[in-house]
Amino acid sequence: MLSASISNAHFDVHAAMSETLSDFKNNQHGVAAIEYGLIALAVAVFIVAVLYGDDNFIVTLSSKLNQLGDSVTALR
């Protein structure tokens, strides 16, 4: 009788644990928010790398615009 009780308790714990793990695996709540957060982080890192790197975009753009301005001035 005691052995049957212990066996039933073990089965109940196992079933409850299996159900809990299954629920956790199937829970998709918040996954989209995490994905959007990771995309935003990747975009932010890319922007910082482009704008603030050693040969950054702002310096290059400024240099090209100065060259264009010098070319236009020389044509006058």
N, C-alpha and C. Protein backbone atom coordinates (compact mmCIF):
# COMPACT_ATOMS: atom_id res chain seq x y z
N MET A 1 0.82 -1.19 0.00
CA MET A 1 0.00 0.00 0.00
C MET A 1 0.86 1.26 0.00
N LEU A 2 1.90 1.28 0.87
CA LEU A 2 2.81 2.43 0.92
C LEU A 2 3.57 2.56 -0.39
N SER A 3 3.95 1.44 -0.96
CA SER A 3 4.66 1.45 -2.23
C SER A 3 3.78 2.03 -3.34
N ALA A 4 2.51 1.70 -3.33
CA ALA A 4 1.57 2.23 -4.32
C ALA A 4 1.39 3.73 -4.14
N SER A 5 1.35 4.21 -2.89
CA SER A 5 1.24 5.65 -2.61
C SER A 5 2.45 6.40 -3.12
N ILE A 6 3.62 5.85 -2.87
CA ILE A 6 4.85 6.50 -3.33
C ILE A 6 4.90 6.51 -4.85
N SER A 7 4.48 5.43 -5.46
CA SER A 7 4.46 5.34 -6.92
C SER A 7 3.50 6.36 -7.51
N ASN A 8 2.31 6.51 -6.91
CA ASN A 8 1.33 7.50 -7.38
C ASN A 8 1.86 8.92 -7.19
N ALA A 9 2.52 9.19 -6.08
CA ALA A 9 3.08 10.52 -5.83
C ALA A 9 4.17 10.83 -6.85
N HIS A 10 5.00 9.84 -7.14
CA HIS A 10 6.06 10.02 -8.14
C HIS A 10 5.46 10.31 -9.50
N PHE A 11 4.38 9.57 -9.86
CA PHE A 11 3.71 9.80 -11.13
C PHE A 11 3.11 11.20 -11.19
N ASP A 12 2.49 11.65 -10.10
CA ASP A 12 1.88 12.98 -10.05
C ASP A 12 2.94 14.07 -10.22
N VAL A 13 4.08 13.91 -9.55
CA VAL A 13 5.16 14.89 -9.68
C VAL A 13 5.70 14.89 -11.10
N HIS A 14 5.87 13.73 -11.66
CA HIS A 14 6.38 13.61 -13.03
C HIS A 14 5.41 14.25 -14.02
N ALA A 15 4.12 13.99 -13.85
CA ALA A 15 3.11 14.55 -14.74
C ALA A 15 3.07 16.08 -14.61
N ALA A 16 3.13 16.56 -13.38
CA ALA A 16 3.11 18.01 -13.16
C ALA A 16 4.35 18.67 -13.77
N MET A 17 5.51 18.03 -13.61
CA MET A 17 6.75 18.57 -14.16
C MET A 17 6.70 18.56 -15.69
N SER A 18 6.19 17.49 -16.27
CA SER A 18 6.06 17.40 -17.73
C SER A 18 5.12 18.47 -18.26
N GLU A 19 4.02 18.67 -17.57
CA GLU A 19 3.06 19.70 -18.00
C GLU A 19 3.67 21.09 -17.89
N THR A 20 4.39 21.35 -16.81
CA THR A 20 5.03 22.65 -16.63
C THR A 20 6.06 22.91 -17.72
N LEU A 21 6.89 21.92 -18.01
CA LEU A 21 7.90 22.08 -19.06
C LEU A 21 7.26 22.25 -20.43
N SER A 22 6.18 21.52 -20.69
CA SER A 22 5.47 21.64 -21.96
C SER A 22 4.87 23.04 -22.10
N ASP A 23 4.26 23.55 -21.04
CA ASP A 23 3.70 24.91 -21.06
C ASP A 23 4.79 25.94 -21.29
N PHE A 24 5.93 25.76 -20.65
CA PHE A 24 7.04 26.71 -20.81
C PHE A 24 7.55 26.69 -22.25
N LYS A 25 7.66 25.51 -22.83
CA LYS A 25 8.16 25.37 -24.20
C LYS A 25 7.20 26.00 -25.20
N ASN A 26 5.91 25.86 -24.96
CA ASN A 26 4.90 26.35 -25.90
C ASN A 26 4.53 27.81 -25.68
N ASN A 27 5.03 28.44 -24.64
CA ASN A 27 4.69 29.83 -24.34
C ASN A 27 5.47 30.75 -25.27
N GLN A 28 4.78 31.47 -26.13
CA GLN A 28 5.40 32.37 -27.08
C GLN A 28 5.19 33.84 -26.69
N HIS A 29 4.61 34.07 -25.54
CA HIS A 29 4.32 35.44 -25.09
C HIS A 29 5.63 36.21 -24.89
N GLY A 30 5.77 37.34 -25.53
CA GLY A 30 6.95 38.18 -25.35
C GLY A 30 8.08 37.90 -26.32
N VAL A 31 7.95 36.87 -27.13
CA VAL A 31 9.03 36.52 -28.07
C VAL A 31 9.20 37.62 -29.10
N ALA A 32 8.10 38.16 -29.61
CA ALA A 32 8.19 39.22 -30.62
C ALA A 32 8.87 40.46 -30.05
N ALA A 33 8.57 40.79 -28.81
CA ALA A 33 9.20 41.96 -28.19
C ALA A 33 10.70 41.76 -28.06
N ILE A 34 11.11 40.56 -27.72
CA ILE A 34 12.55 40.27 -27.63
C ILE A 34 13.20 40.38 -29.00
N GLU A 35 12.54 39.85 -30.03
CA GLU A 35 13.08 39.93 -31.38
C GLU A 35 13.20 41.38 -31.84
N TYR A 36 12.18 42.18 -31.59
CA TYR A 36 12.25 43.59 -31.97
C TYR A 36 13.35 44.31 -31.19
N GLY A 37 13.53 43.95 -29.96
CA GLY A 37 14.61 44.55 -29.17
C GLY A 37 15.98 44.20 -29.73
N LEU A 38 16.16 42.96 -30.16
CA LEU A 38 17.44 42.56 -30.76
C LEU A 38 17.68 43.27 -32.08
N ILE A 39 16.62 43.46 -32.88
CA ILE A 39 16.76 44.19 -34.14
C ILE A 39 17.13 45.64 -33.86
N ALA A 40 16.49 46.26 -32.89
CA ALA A 40 16.81 47.64 -32.54
C ALA A 40 18.25 47.77 -32.05
N LEU A 41 18.71 46.80 -31.28
CA LEU A 41 20.09 46.81 -30.82
C LEU A 41 21.06 46.69 -31.99
N ALA A 42 20.77 45.83 -32.94
CA ALA A 42 21.64 45.66 -34.11
C ALA A 42 21.70 46.95 -34.93
N VAL A 43 20.55 47.60 -35.12
CA VAL A 43 20.52 48.86 -35.86
C VAL A 43 21.30 49.94 -35.12
N ALA A 44 21.16 50.01 -33.82
CA ALA A 44 21.89 51.00 -33.03
C ALA A 44 23.40 50.79 -33.13
N VAL A 45 23.83 49.54 -33.05
CA VAL A 45 25.27 49.24 -33.16
C VAL A 45 25.77 49.63 -34.55
N PHE A 46 24.99 49.33 -35.59
CA PHE A 46 25.37 49.70 -36.95
C PHE A 46 25.49 51.21 -37.10
N ILE A 47 24.53 51.96 -36.57
CA ILE A 47 24.56 53.42 -36.67
C ILE A 47 25.78 53.98 -35.95
N VAL A 48 26.06 53.49 -34.77
CA VAL A 48 27.23 53.97 -34.03
C VAL A 48 28.50 53.65 -34.80
N ALA A 49 28.59 52.46 -35.38
CA ALA A 49 29.79 52.08 -36.13
C ALA A 49 29.97 52.96 -37.36
N VAL A 50 28.88 53.28 -38.05
CA VAL A 50 28.97 54.10 -39.26
C VAL A 50 29.28 55.54 -38.93
N LEU A 51 28.62 56.09 -37.93
CA LEU A 51 28.75 57.52 -37.65
C LEU A 51 29.97 57.87 -36.80
N TYR A 52 30.45 56.93 -35.99
CA TYR A 52 31.51 57.28 -35.05
C TYR A 52 32.75 56.41 -35.19
N GLY A 53 32.92 55.72 -36.31
CA GLY A 53 34.12 54.92 -36.52
C GLY A 53 35.32 55.80 -36.82
N ASP A 54 36.47 55.18 -37.08
CA ASP A 54 37.69 55.93 -37.37
C ASP A 54 37.53 56.80 -38.61
N ASP A 55 37.11 56.21 -39.70
CA ASP A 55 36.87 56.96 -40.94
C ASP A 55 35.37 57.04 -41.11
N ASN A 56 34.73 57.80 -40.22
CA ASN A 56 33.29 57.75 -40.13
C ASN A 56 32.58 58.46 -41.26
N PHE A 57 31.30 58.22 -41.35
CA PHE A 57 30.46 58.73 -42.42
C PHE A 57 30.41 60.25 -42.45
N ILE A 58 30.33 60.88 -41.29
CA ILE A 58 30.21 62.34 -41.24
C ILE A 58 31.47 63.01 -41.78
N VAL A 59 32.63 62.51 -41.40
CA VAL A 59 33.89 63.08 -41.88
C VAL A 59 34.01 62.89 -43.39
N THR A 60 33.67 61.70 -43.87
CA THR A 60 33.75 61.41 -45.31
C THR A 60 32.78 62.28 -46.09
N LEU A 61 31.55 62.40 -45.60
CA LEU A 61 30.55 63.23 -46.27
C LEU A 61 30.99 64.69 -46.29
N SER A 62 31.49 65.18 -45.19
CA SER A 62 31.96 66.56 -45.13
C SER A 62 33.10 66.79 -46.12
N SER A 63 34.02 65.85 -46.20
CA SER A 63 35.13 65.97 -47.13
C SER A 63 34.64 66.01 -48.57
N LYS A 64 33.71 65.12 -48.92
CA LYS A 64 33.18 65.09 -50.29
C LYS A 64 32.41 66.36 -50.62
N LEU A 65 31.64 66.87 -49.66
CA LEU A 65 30.90 68.11 -49.91
C LEU A 65 31.86 69.30 -50.07
N ASN A 66 32.95 69.32 -49.30
CA ASN A 66 33.96 70.38 -49.47
C ASN A 66 34.62 70.29 -50.84
N GLN A 67 34.90 69.06 -51.29
CA GLN A 67 35.47 68.89 -52.64
C GLN A 67 34.50 69.37 -53.69
N LEU A 68 33.22 69.06 -53.53
CA LEU A 68 32.20 69.52 -54.47
C LEU A 68 32.11 71.04 -54.47
N GLY A 69 32.14 71.62 -53.28
CA GLY A 69 32.11 73.09 -53.18
C GLY A 69 33.32 73.73 -53.84
N ASP A 70 34.49 73.16 -53.65
CA ASP A 70 35.71 73.67 -54.28
C ASP A 70 35.62 73.55 -55.80
N SER A 71 35.06 72.45 -56.28
CA SER A 71 34.90 72.26 -57.74
C SER A 71 33.94 73.28 -58.32
N VAL A 72 32.84 73.54 -57.63
CA VAL A 72 31.86 74.51 -58.10
C VAL A 72 32.47 75.91 -58.08
N THR A 73 33.23 76.24 -57.04
CA THR A 73 33.88 77.55 -56.93
C THR A 73 34.91 77.72 -58.06
N ALA A 74 35.63 76.67 -58.39
CA ALA A 74 36.66 76.74 -59.44
C ALA A 74 36.02 76.94 -60.80
N LEU A 75 34.79 76.52 -61.01
CA LEU A 75 34.11 76.68 -62.29
C LEU A 75 33.61 78.10 -62.54
N ARG A 76 33.53 78.90 -61.54
CA ARG A 76 33.01 80.27 -61.70
C ARG A 76 33.94 81.11 -62.48
